[in-house]
């Protein structure tokens, strides 16, 4: 098996003039983008994805995924390439 190359994404923040934002954007050297929004709530609604949807529209095909991390317990889809995931999943194997 060949040696695996590590991808070193660059971190960014996204905010529109209208106030939509994404807490963390990770962009790989080849331009792929992942957006991460962090919520301190145990429930999430469609409005919590506003910034991620605008980011998705702005970067087009380079958008790989948008994730809202929250204090709830379920991972659920919220549209094309968008999902909600428990923040506790960051510490699970």
PDB file of N, CA and C in Angstrom:
ATOM      1  N   UNK A   1       0.840  -1.171   0.000  1.00  0.00           N
ATOM      2  CA  UNK A   1       0.000   0.000   0.000  1.00  0.00           C
ATOM      3  C   UNK A   1       0.892   1.244   0.000  1.00  0.00           C
ATOM      4  N   UNK A   2       0.523   2.233  -0.799  1.00  0.00           N
ATOM      5  CA  UNK A   2       1.305   3.454  -0.909  1.00  0.00           C
ATOM      6  C   UNK A   2       1.150   4.346   0.307  1.00  0.00           C
ATOM      7  N   UNK A   3       2.036   5.272   0.416  1.00  0.00           N
ATOM      8  CA  UNK A   3       2.012   6.225   1.521  1.00  0.00           C
ATOM      9  C   UNK A   3       0.876   7.233   1.313  1.00  0.00           C
ATOM     10  N   UNK A   4       0.093   7.453   2.335  1.00  0.00           N
ATOM     11  CA  UNK A   4      -1.045   8.368   2.243  1.00  0.00           C
ATOM     12  C   UNK A   4      -0.572   9.800   2.473  1.00  0.00           C
ATOM     13  N   UNK A   5      -0.969  10.685   1.571  1.00  0.00           N
ATOM     14  CA  UNK A   5      -0.619  12.099   1.697  1.00  0.00           C
ATOM     15  C   UNK A   5      -1.645  12.783   2.601  1.00  0.00           C
ATOM     16  N   UNK A   6      -1.170  13.574   3.514  1.00  0.00           N
ATOM     17  CA  UNK A   6      -2.061  14.331   4.382  1.00  0.00           C
ATOM     18  C   UNK A   6      -2.538  15.584   3.660  1.00  0.00           C
ATOM     19  N   UNK A   7      -3.814  15.873   3.791  1.00  0.00           N
ATOM     20  CA  UNK A   7      -4.379  17.095   3.239  1.00  0.00           C
ATOM     21  C   UNK A   7      -4.409  18.123   4.350  1.00  0.00           C
ATOM     22  N   UNK A   8      -3.869  19.265   4.086  1.00  0.00           N
ATOM     23  CA  UNK A   8      -3.837  20.328   5.094  1.00  0.00           C
ATOM     24  C   UNK A   8      -4.784  21.441   4.674  1.00  0.00           C
ATOM     25  N   UNK A   9      -6.025  21.357   5.167  1.00  0.00           N
ATOM     26  CA  UNK A   9      -6.992  22.397   4.792  1.00  0.00           C
ATOM     27  C   UNK A   9      -6.668  23.716   5.480  1.00  0.00           C
ATOM     28  N   UNK A  10      -7.051  24.796   4.829  1.00  0.00           N
ATOM     29  CA  UNK A  10      -6.900  26.124   5.400  1.00  0.00           C
ATOM     30  C   UNK A  10      -8.234  26.529   6.026  1.00  0.00           C
ATOM     31  N   UNK A  11      -8.211  27.077   7.238  1.00  0.00           N
ATOM     32  CA  UNK A  11      -9.457  27.491   7.903  1.00  0.00           C
ATOM     33  C   UNK A  11      -9.846  28.926   7.521  1.00  0.00           C
ATOM     34  N   UNK A  12     -11.147  29.134   7.394  1.00  0.00           N
ATOM     35  CA  UNK A  12     -11.699  30.455   7.103  1.00  0.00           C
ATOM     36  C   UNK A  12     -13.005  30.634   7.866  1.00  0.00           C
ATOM     37  N   UNK A  13     -13.504  31.852   7.839  1.00  0.00           N
ATOM     38  CA  UNK A  13     -14.832  32.193   8.362  1.00  0.00           C
ATOM     39  C   UNK A  13     -15.603  32.783   7.192  1.00  0.00           C
ATOM     40  N   UNK A  14     -16.904  32.556   7.148  1.00  0.00           N
ATOM     41  CA  UNK A  14     -17.739  33.047   6.050  1.00  0.00           C
ATOM     42  C   UNK A  14     -18.843  33.919   6.617  1.00  0.00           C
ATOM     43  N   UNK A  15     -18.979  35.136   6.072  1.00  0.00           N
ATOM     44  CA  UNK A  15     -20.063  36.034   6.479  1.00  0.00           C
ATOM     45  C   UNK A  15     -20.460  36.889   5.288  1.00  0.00           C
ATOM     46  N   UNK A  16     -21.774  36.934   5.030  1.00  0.00           N
ATOM     47  CA  UNK A  16     -22.273  37.756   3.931  1.00  0.00           C
ATOM     48  C   UNK A  16     -22.631  39.152   4.454  1.00  0.00           C
ATOM     49  N   UNK A  17     -22.839  40.075   3.545  1.00  0.00           N
ATOM     50  CA  UNK A  17     -23.258  41.428   3.932  1.00  0.00           C
ATOM     51  C   UNK A  17     -24.616  41.413   4.628  1.00  0.00           C
ATOM     52  N   UNK A  18     -25.423  40.396   4.308  1.00  0.00           N
ATOM     53  CA  UNK A  18     -26.758  40.269   4.906  1.00  0.00           C
ATOM     54  C   UNK A  18     -26.705  39.637   6.295  1.00  0.00           C
ATOM     55  N   UNK A  19     -25.531  39.187   6.735  1.00  0.00           N
ATOM     56  CA  UNK A  19     -25.386  38.640   8.073  1.00  0.00           C
ATOM     57  C   UNK A  19     -25.389  37.127   8.177  1.00  0.00           C
ATOM     58  N   UNK A  20     -25.570  36.420   7.068  1.00  0.00           N
ATOM     59  CA  UNK A  20     -25.475  34.953   7.125  1.00  0.00           C
ATOM     60  C   UNK A  20     -24.007  34.594   7.332  1.00  0.00           C
ATOM     61  N   UNK A  21     -23.759  33.587   8.172  1.00  0.00           N
ATOM     62  CA  UNK A  21     -22.374  33.213   8.421  1.00  0.00           C
ATOM     63  C   UNK A  21     -22.213  31.722   8.666  1.00  0.00           C
ATOM     64  N   UNK A  22     -20.974  31.286   8.533  1.00  0.00           N
ATOM     65  CA  UNK A  22     -20.582  29.918   8.847  1.00  0.00           C
ATOM     66  C   UNK A  22     -19.366  30.030   9.762  1.00  0.00           C
ATOM     67  N   UNK A  23     -19.398  29.315  10.878  1.00  0.00           N
ATOM     68  CA  UNK A  23     -18.347  29.441  11.880  1.00  0.00           C
ATOM     69  C   UNK A  23     -16.971  29.038  11.370  1.00  0.00           C
ATOM     70  N   UNK A  24     -16.898  27.946  10.630  1.00  0.00           N
ATOM     71  CA  UNK A  24     -15.603  27.443  10.177  1.00  0.00           C
ATOM     72  C   UNK A  24     -15.723  26.877   8.768  1.00  0.00           C
ATOM     73  N   UNK A  25     -14.859  27.335   7.893  1.00  0.00           N
ATOM     74  CA  UNK A  25     -14.747  26.800   6.537  1.00  0.00           C
ATOM     75  C   UNK A  25     -13.387  26.144   6.442  1.00  0.00           C
ATOM     76  N   UNK A  26     -13.342  24.929   5.925  1.00  0.00           N
ATOM     77  CA  UNK A  26     -12.077  24.252   5.657  1.00  0.00           C
ATOM     78  C   UNK A  26     -11.955  24.081   4.157  1.00  0.00           C
ATOM     79  N   UNK A  27     -10.855  24.578   3.587  1.00  0.00           N
ATOM     80  CA  UNK A  27     -10.624  24.471   2.146  1.00  0.00           C
ATOM     81  C   UNK A  27      -9.307  23.768   1.900  1.00  0.00           C
ATOM     82  N   UNK A  28      -9.362  22.706   1.109  1.00  0.00           N
ATOM     83  CA  UNK A  28      -8.157  21.960   0.766  1.00  0.00           C
ATOM     84  C   UNK A  28      -7.371  22.707  -0.306  1.00  0.00           C
ATOM     85  N   UNK A  29      -6.095  22.375  -0.485  1.00  0.00           N
ATOM     86  CA  UNK A  29      -5.305  23.044  -1.518  1.00  0.00           C
ATOM     87  C   UNK A  29      -5.905  22.930  -2.925  1.00  0.00           C
ATOM     88  N   UNK A  30      -6.666  21.856  -3.185  1.00  0.00           N
ATOM     89  CA  UNK A  30      -7.273  21.707  -4.512  1.00  0.00           C
ATOM     90  C   UNK A  30      -8.643  22.383  -4.606  1.00  0.00           C
ATOM     91  N   UNK A  31      -9.059  23.105  -3.545  1.00  0.00           N
ATOM     92  CA  UNK A  31     -10.271  23.916  -3.601  1.00  0.00           C
ATOM     93  C   UNK A  31     -11.536  23.312  -3.040  1.00  0.00           C
ATOM     94  N   UNK A  32     -11.498  22.073  -2.541  1.00  0.00           N
ATOM     95  CA  UNK A  32     -12.697  21.475  -1.946  1.00  0.00           C
ATOM     96  C   UNK A  32     -13.023  22.178  -0.631  1.00  0.00           C
ATOM     97  N   UNK A  33     -14.325  22.354  -0.362  1.00  0.00           N
ATOM     98  CA  UNK A  33     -14.765  23.148   0.777  1.00  0.00           C
ATOM     99  C   UNK A  33     -15.747  22.365   1.649  1.00  0.00           C
ATOM    100  N   UNK A  34     -15.547  22.469   2.968  1.00  0.00           N
ATOM    101  CA  UNK A  34     -16.467  21.933   3.968  1.00  0.00           C
ATOM    102  C   UNK A  34     -16.809  23.081   4.911  1.00  0.00           C
ATOM    103  N   UNK A  35     -18.082  23.221   5.238  1.00  0.00           N
ATOM    104  CA  UNK A  35     -18.519  24.243   6.176  1.00  0.00           C
ATOM    105  C   UNK A  35     -19.007  23.608   7.459  1.00  0.00           C
ATOM    106  N   UNK A  36     -18.658  24.228   8.590  1.00  0.00           N
ATOM    107  CA  UNK A  36     -19.060  23.713   9.900  1.00  0.00           C
ATOM    108  C   UNK A  36     -19.685  24.847  10.705  1.00  0.00           C
ATOM    109  N   UNK A  37     -20.892  24.608  11.179  1.00  0.00           N
ATOM    110  CA  UNK A  37     -21.607  25.566  12.024  1.00  0.00           C
ATOM    111  C   UNK A  37     -21.788  24.902  13.386  1.00  0.00           C
ATOM    112  N   UNK A  38     -21.536  25.613  14.461  1.00  0.00           N
ATOM    113  CA  UNK A  38     -21.663  25.067  15.810  1.00  0.00           C
ATOM    114  C   UNK A  38     -22.815  25.750  16.525  1.00  0.00           C
ATOM    115  N   UNK A  39     -23.732  24.940  17.072  1.00  0.00           N
ATOM    116  CA  UNK A  39     -24.891  25.438  17.810  1.00  0.00           C
ATOM    117  C   UNK A  39     -24.854  24.879  19.229  1.00  0.00           C
ATOM    118  N   UNK A  40     -25.228  25.694  20.198  1.00  0.00           N
ATOM    119  CA  UNK A  40     -25.266  25.226  21.586  1.00  0.00           C
ATOM    120  C   UNK A  40     -26.662  24.747  21.974  1.00  0.00           C
ATOM    121  N   UNK A  41     -27.470  24.397  20.987  1.00  0.00           N
ATOM    122  CA  UNK A  41     -28.848  23.956  21.223  1.00  0.00           C
ATOM    123  C   UNK A  41     -28.969  22.449  20.982  1.00  0.00           C
ATOM    124  N   UNK A  42     -30.009  21.863  21.569  1.00  0.00           N
ATOM    125  CA  UNK A  42     -30.249  20.428  21.381  1.00  0.00           C
ATOM    126  C   UNK A  42     -31.192  20.155  20.218  1.00  0.00           C
ATOM    127  N   UNK A  43     -31.694  21.206  19.579  1.00  0.00           N
ATOM    128  CA  UNK A  43     -32.534  21.055  18.385  1.00  0.00           C
ATOM    129  C   UNK A  43     -31.999  21.978  17.290  1.00  0.00           C
ATOM    130  N   UNK A  44     -32.285  21.602  16.068  1.00  0.00           N
ATOM    131  CA  UNK A  44     -31.832  22.366  14.901  1.00  0.00           C
ATOM    132  C   UNK A  44     -33.012  22.491  13.954  1.00  0.00           C
ATOM    133  N   UNK A  45     -33.115  23.631  13.281  1.00  0.00           N
ATOM    134  CA  UNK A  45     -34.147  23.781  12.261  1.00  0.00           C
ATOM    135  C   UNK A  45     -33.512  24.227  10.956  1.00  0.00           C
ATOM    136  N   UNK A  46     -34.294  24.292   9.923  1.00  0.00           N
ATOM    137  CA  UNK A  46     -33.801  24.624   8.593  1.00  0.00           C
ATOM    138  C   UNK A  46     -33.067  25.969   8.559  1.00  0.00           C
ATOM    139  N   UNK A  47     -33.513  26.927   9.363  1.00  0.00           N
ATOM    140  CA  UNK A  47     -32.876  28.234   9.403  1.00  0.00           C
ATOM    141  C   UNK A  47     -31.436  28.195   9.875  1.00  0.00           C
ATOM    142  N   UNK A  48     -31.071  27.167  10.641  1.00  0.00           N
ATOM    143  CA  UNK A  48     -29.696  27.032  11.118  1.00  0.00           C
ATOM    144  C   UNK A  48     -28.727  26.711   9.987  1.00  0.00           C
ATOM    145  N   UNK A  49     -29.259  26.383   8.816  1.00  0.00           N
ATOM    146  CA  UNK A  49     -28.436  26.049   7.655  1.00  0.00           C
ATOM    147  C   UNK A  49     -28.321  27.201   6.658  1.00  0.00           C
ATOM    148  N   UNK A  50     -28.835  28.368   7.017  1.00  0.00           N
ATOM    149  CA  UNK A  50     -28.847  29.512   6.097  1.00  0.00           C
ATOM    150  C   UNK A  50     -27.442  29.839   5.574  1.00  0.00           C
ATOM    151  N   UNK A  51     -26.497  29.988   6.467  1.00  0.00           N
ATOM    152  CA  UNK A  51     -25.134  30.313   6.061  1.00  0.00           C
ATOM    153  C   UNK A  51     -24.495  29.212   5.239  1.00  0.00           C
ATOM    154  N   UNK A  52     -24.737  27.958   5.627  1.00  0.00           N
ATOM    155  CA  UNK A  52     -24.171  26.834   4.871  1.00  0.00           C
ATOM    156  C   UNK A  52     -24.752  26.771   3.463  1.00  0.00           C
ATOM    157  N   UNK A  53     -26.030  27.052   3.328  1.00  0.00           N
ATOM    158  CA  UNK A  53     -26.646  27.060   1.992  1.00  0.00           C
ATOM    159  C   UNK A  53     -26.075  28.178   1.127  1.00  0.00           C
ATOM    160  N   UNK A  54     -25.834  29.335   1.731  1.00  0.00           N
ATOM    161  CA  UNK A  54     -25.254  30.428   0.964  1.00  0.00           C
ATOM    162  C   UNK A  54     -23.812  30.130   0.581  1.00  0.00           C
ATOM    163  N   UNK A  55     -23.078  29.502   1.468  1.00  0.00           N
ATOM    164  CA  UNK A  55     -21.719  29.074   1.136  1.00  0.00           C
ATOM    165  C   UNK A  55     -21.748  28.065  -0.007  1.00  0.00           C
ATOM    166  N   UNK A  56     -22.654  27.101   0.077  1.00  0.00           N
ATOM    167  CA  UNK A  56     -22.805  26.082  -0.957  1.00  0.00           C
ATOM    168  C   UNK A  56     -23.066  26.729  -2.322  1.00  0.00           C
ATOM    169  N   UNK A  57     -23.936  27.722  -2.357  1.00  0.00           N
ATOM    170  CA  UNK A  57     -24.236  28.420  -3.604  1.00  0.00           C
ATOM    171  C   UNK A  57     -23.026  29.211  -4.098  1.00  0.00           C
ATOM    172  N   UNK A  58     -22.283  29.784  -3.174  1.00  0.00           N
ATOM    173  CA  UNK A  58     -21.144  30.620  -3.545  1.00  0.00           C
ATOM    174  C   UNK A  58     -19.985  29.824  -4.136  1.00  0.00           C
ATOM    175  N   UNK A  59     -19.736  28.617  -3.620  1.00  0.00           N
ATOM    176  CA  UNK A  59     -18.571  27.852  -4.098  1.00  0.00           C
ATOM    177  C   UNK A  59     -18.939  26.761  -5.104  1.00  0.00           C
ATOM    178  N   UNK A  60     -20.223  26.501  -5.284  1.00  0.00           N
ATOM    179  CA  UNK A  60     -20.677  25.559  -6.315  1.00  0.00           C
ATOM    180  C   UNK A  60     -20.162  24.145  -6.123  1.00  0.00           C
ATOM    181  N   UNK A  61     -19.607  23.582  -7.188  1.00  0.00           N
ATOM    182  CA  UNK A  61     -19.158  22.184  -7.185  1.00  0.00           C
ATOM    183  C   UNK A  61     -18.016  21.904  -6.215  1.00  0.00           C
ATOM    184  N   UNK A  62     -17.368  22.921  -5.728  1.00  0.00           N
ATOM    185  CA  UNK A  62     -16.269  22.717  -4.768  1.00  0.00           C
ATOM    186  C   UNK A  62     -16.799  22.366  -3.374  1.00  0.00           C
ATOM    187  N   UNK A  63     -18.110  22.570  -3.134  1.00  0.00           N
ATOM    188  CA  UNK A  63     -18.721  22.286  -1.834  1.00  0.00           C
ATOM    189  C   UNK A  63     -18.850  20.785  -1.645  1.00  0.00           C
ATOM    190  N   UNK A  64     -18.231  20.257  -0.597  1.00  0.00           N
ATOM    191  CA  UNK A  64     -18.288  18.811  -0.315  1.00  0.00           C
ATOM    192  C   UNK A  64     -19.308  18.470   0.761  1.00  0.00           C
ATOM    193  N   UNK A  65     -19.412  19.320   1.790  1.00  0.00           N
ATOM    194  CA  UNK A  65     -20.323  19.028   2.886  1.00  0.00           C
ATOM    195  C   UNK A  65     -20.522  20.250   3.765  1.00  0.00           C
ATOM    196  N   UNK A  66     -21.699  20.300   4.379  1.00  0.00           N
ATOM    197  CA  UNK A  66     -22.003  21.305   5.383  1.00  0.00           C
ATOM    198  C   UNK A  66     -22.572  20.597   6.595  1.00  0.00           C
ATOM    199  N   UNK A  67     -21.993  20.874   7.756  1.00  0.00           N
ATOM    200  CA  UNK A  67     -22.395  20.177   8.978  1.00  0.00           C
ATOM    201  C   UNK A  67     -22.731  21.194  10.064  1.00  0.00           C
ATOM    202  N   UNK A  68     -23.877  20.983  10.704  1.00  0.00           N
ATOM    203  CA  UNK A  68     -24.207  21.729  11.914  1.00  0.00           C
ATOM    204  C   UNK A  68     -23.959  20.790  13.080  1.00  0.00           C
ATOM    205  N   UNK A  69     -23.031  21.168  13.954  1.00  0.00           N
ATOM    206  CA  UNK A  69     -22.781  20.412  15.171  1.00  0.00           C
ATOM    207  C   UNK A  69     -23.684  20.974  16.254  1.00  0.00           C
ATOM    208  N   UNK A  70     -24.353  20.085  17.002  1.00  0.00           N
ATOM    209  CA  UNK A  70     -25.302  20.523  18.027  1.00  0.00           C
ATOM    210  C   UNK A  70     -25.242  19.590  19.225  1.00  0.00           C
ATOM    211  N   UNK A  71     -25.943  19.920  20.303  1.00  0.00           N
ATOM    212  CA  UNK A  71     -25.875  19.125  21.524  1.00  0.00           C
ATOM    213  C   UNK A  71     -26.890  17.990  21.559  1.00  0.00           C
ATOM    214  N   UNK A  72     -27.621  17.784  20.478  1.00  0.00           N
ATOM    215  CA  UNK A  72     -28.581  16.687  20.383  1.00  0.00           C
ATOM    216  C   UNK A  72     -27.885  15.348  20.185  1.00  0.00           C
ATOM    217  N   UNK A  73     -28.668  14.326  19.850  1.00  0.00           N
ATOM    218  CA  UNK A  73     -28.114  12.973  19.797  1.00  0.00           C
ATOM    219  C   UNK A  73     -28.214  12.283  18.444  1.00  0.00           C
ATOM    220  N   UNK A  74     -28.851  12.904  17.454  1.00  0.00           N
ATOM    221  CA  UNK A  74     -29.048  12.233  16.171  1.00  0.00           C
ATOM    222  C   UNK A  74     -28.278  12.912  15.050  1.00  0.00           C
ATOM    223  N   UNK A  75     -27.834  12.093  14.091  1.00  0.00           N
ATOM    224  CA  UNK A  75     -27.289  12.611  12.840  1.00  0.00           C
ATOM    225  C   UNK A  75     -28.403  12.511  11.811  1.00  0.00           C
ATOM    226  N   UNK A  76     -28.731  13.643  11.196  1.00  0.00           N
ATOM    227  CA  UNK A  76     -29.847  13.689  10.252  1.00  0.00           C
ATOM    228  C   UNK A  76     -29.477  14.516   9.028  1.00  0.00           C
ATOM    229  N   UNK A  77     -29.965  14.116   7.850  1.00  0.00           N
ATOM    230  CA  UNK A  77     -29.749  14.942   6.653  1.00  0.00           C
ATOM    231  C   UNK A  77     -30.665  16.162   6.676  1.00  0.00           C
ATOM    232  N   UNK A  78     -30.174  17.261   6.109  1.00  0.00           N
ATOM    233  CA  UNK A  78     -30.971  18.485   5.981  1.00  0.00           C
ATOM    234  C   UNK A  78     -30.881  19.016   4.565  1.00  0.00           C
ATOM    235  N   UNK A  79     -30.812  18.122   3.591  1.00  0.00           N
ATOM    236  CA  UNK A  79     -30.710  18.539   2.200  1.00  0.00           C
ATOM    237  C   UNK A  79     -29.437  18.008   1.573  1.00  0.00           C
ATOM    238  N   UNK A  80     -29.244  18.380   0.322  1.00  0.00           N
ATOM    239  CA  UNK A  80     -28.095  17.919  -0.445  1.00  0.00           C
ATOM    240  C   UNK A  80     -26.784  18.350   0.203  1.00  0.00           C
ATOM    241  N   UNK A  81     -25.996  17.399   0.642  1.00  0.00           N
ATOM    242  CA  UNK A  81     -24.674  17.606   1.235  1.00  0.00           C
ATOM    243  C   UNK A  81     -24.723  18.362   2.565  1.00  0.00           C
ATOM    244  N   UNK A  82     -25.873  18.391   3.219  1.00  0.00           N
ATOM    245  CA  UNK A  82     -26.026  19.070   4.502  1.00  0.00           C
ATOM    246  C   UNK A  82     -26.555  18.092   5.542  1.00  0.00           C
ATOM    247  N   UNK A  83     -26.006  18.192   6.754  1.00  0.00           N
ATOM    248  CA  UNK A  83     -26.489  17.321   7.825  1.00  0.00           C
ATOM    249  C   UNK A  83     -26.245  17.942   9.186  1.00  0.00           C
ATOM    250  N   UNK A  84     -26.965  17.457  10.157  1.00  0.00           N
ATOM    251  CA  UNK A  84     -26.770  17.820  11.550  1.00  0.00           C
ATOM    252  C   UNK A  84     -26.146  16.621  12.240  1.00  0.00           C
ATOM    253  N   UNK A  85     -25.157  16.883  13.074  1.00  0.00           N
ATOM    254  CA  UNK A  85     -24.406  15.826  13.750  1.00  0.00           C
ATOM    255  C   UNK A  85     -24.163  16.234  15.198  1.00  0.00           C
ATOM    256  N   UNK A  86     -24.319  15.305  16.137  1.00  0.00           N
ATOM    257  CA  UNK A  86     -24.025  15.640  17.539  1.00  0.00           C
ATOM    258  C   UNK A  86     -22.573  16.038  17.707  1.00  0.00           C
ATOM    259  N   UNK A  87     -22.335  17.071  18.467  1.00  0.00           N
ATOM    260  CA  UNK A  87     -20.956  17.501  18.713  1.00  0.00           C
ATOM    261  C   UNK A  87     -20.171  16.405  19.434  1.00  0.00           C
ATOM    262  N   UNK A  88     -20.875  15.574  20.176  1.00  0.00           N
ATOM    263  CA  UNK A  88     -20.214  14.457  20.884  1.00  0.00           C
ATOM    264  C   UNK A  88     -19.563  13.470  19.910  1.00  0.00           C
ATOM    265  N   UNK A  89     -20.006  13.458  18.667  1.00  0.00           N
ATOM    266  CA  UNK A  89     -19.422  12.553  17.674  1.00  0.00           C
ATOM    267  C   UNK A  89     -17.948  12.858  17.408  1.00  0.00           C
ATOM    268  N   UNK A  90     -17.508  14.052  17.737  1.00  0.00           N
ATOM    269  CA  UNK A  90     -16.100  14.407  17.533  1.00  0.00           C
ATOM    270  C   UNK A  90     -15.175  13.596  18.434  1.00  0.00           C
ATOM    271  N   UNK A  91     -15.692  13.057  19.522  1.00  0.00           N
ATOM    272  CA  UNK A  91     -14.881  12.287  20.458  1.00  0.00           C
ATOM    273  C   UNK A  91     -15.149  10.793  20.381  1.00  0.00           C
ATOM    274  N   UNK A  92     -15.998  10.362  19.459  1.00  0.00           N
ATOM    275  CA  UNK A  92     -16.290   8.934  19.300  1.00  0.00           C
ATOM    276  C   UNK A  92     -15.393   8.345  18.227  1.00  0.00           C
ATOM    277  N   UNK A  93     -15.142   7.071  18.343  1.00  0.00           N
ATOM    278  CA  UNK A  93     -14.293   6.377  17.365  1.00  0.00           C
ATOM    279  C   UNK A  93     -15.007   6.212  16.046  1.00  0.00           C
TER     280      UNK A  93
END
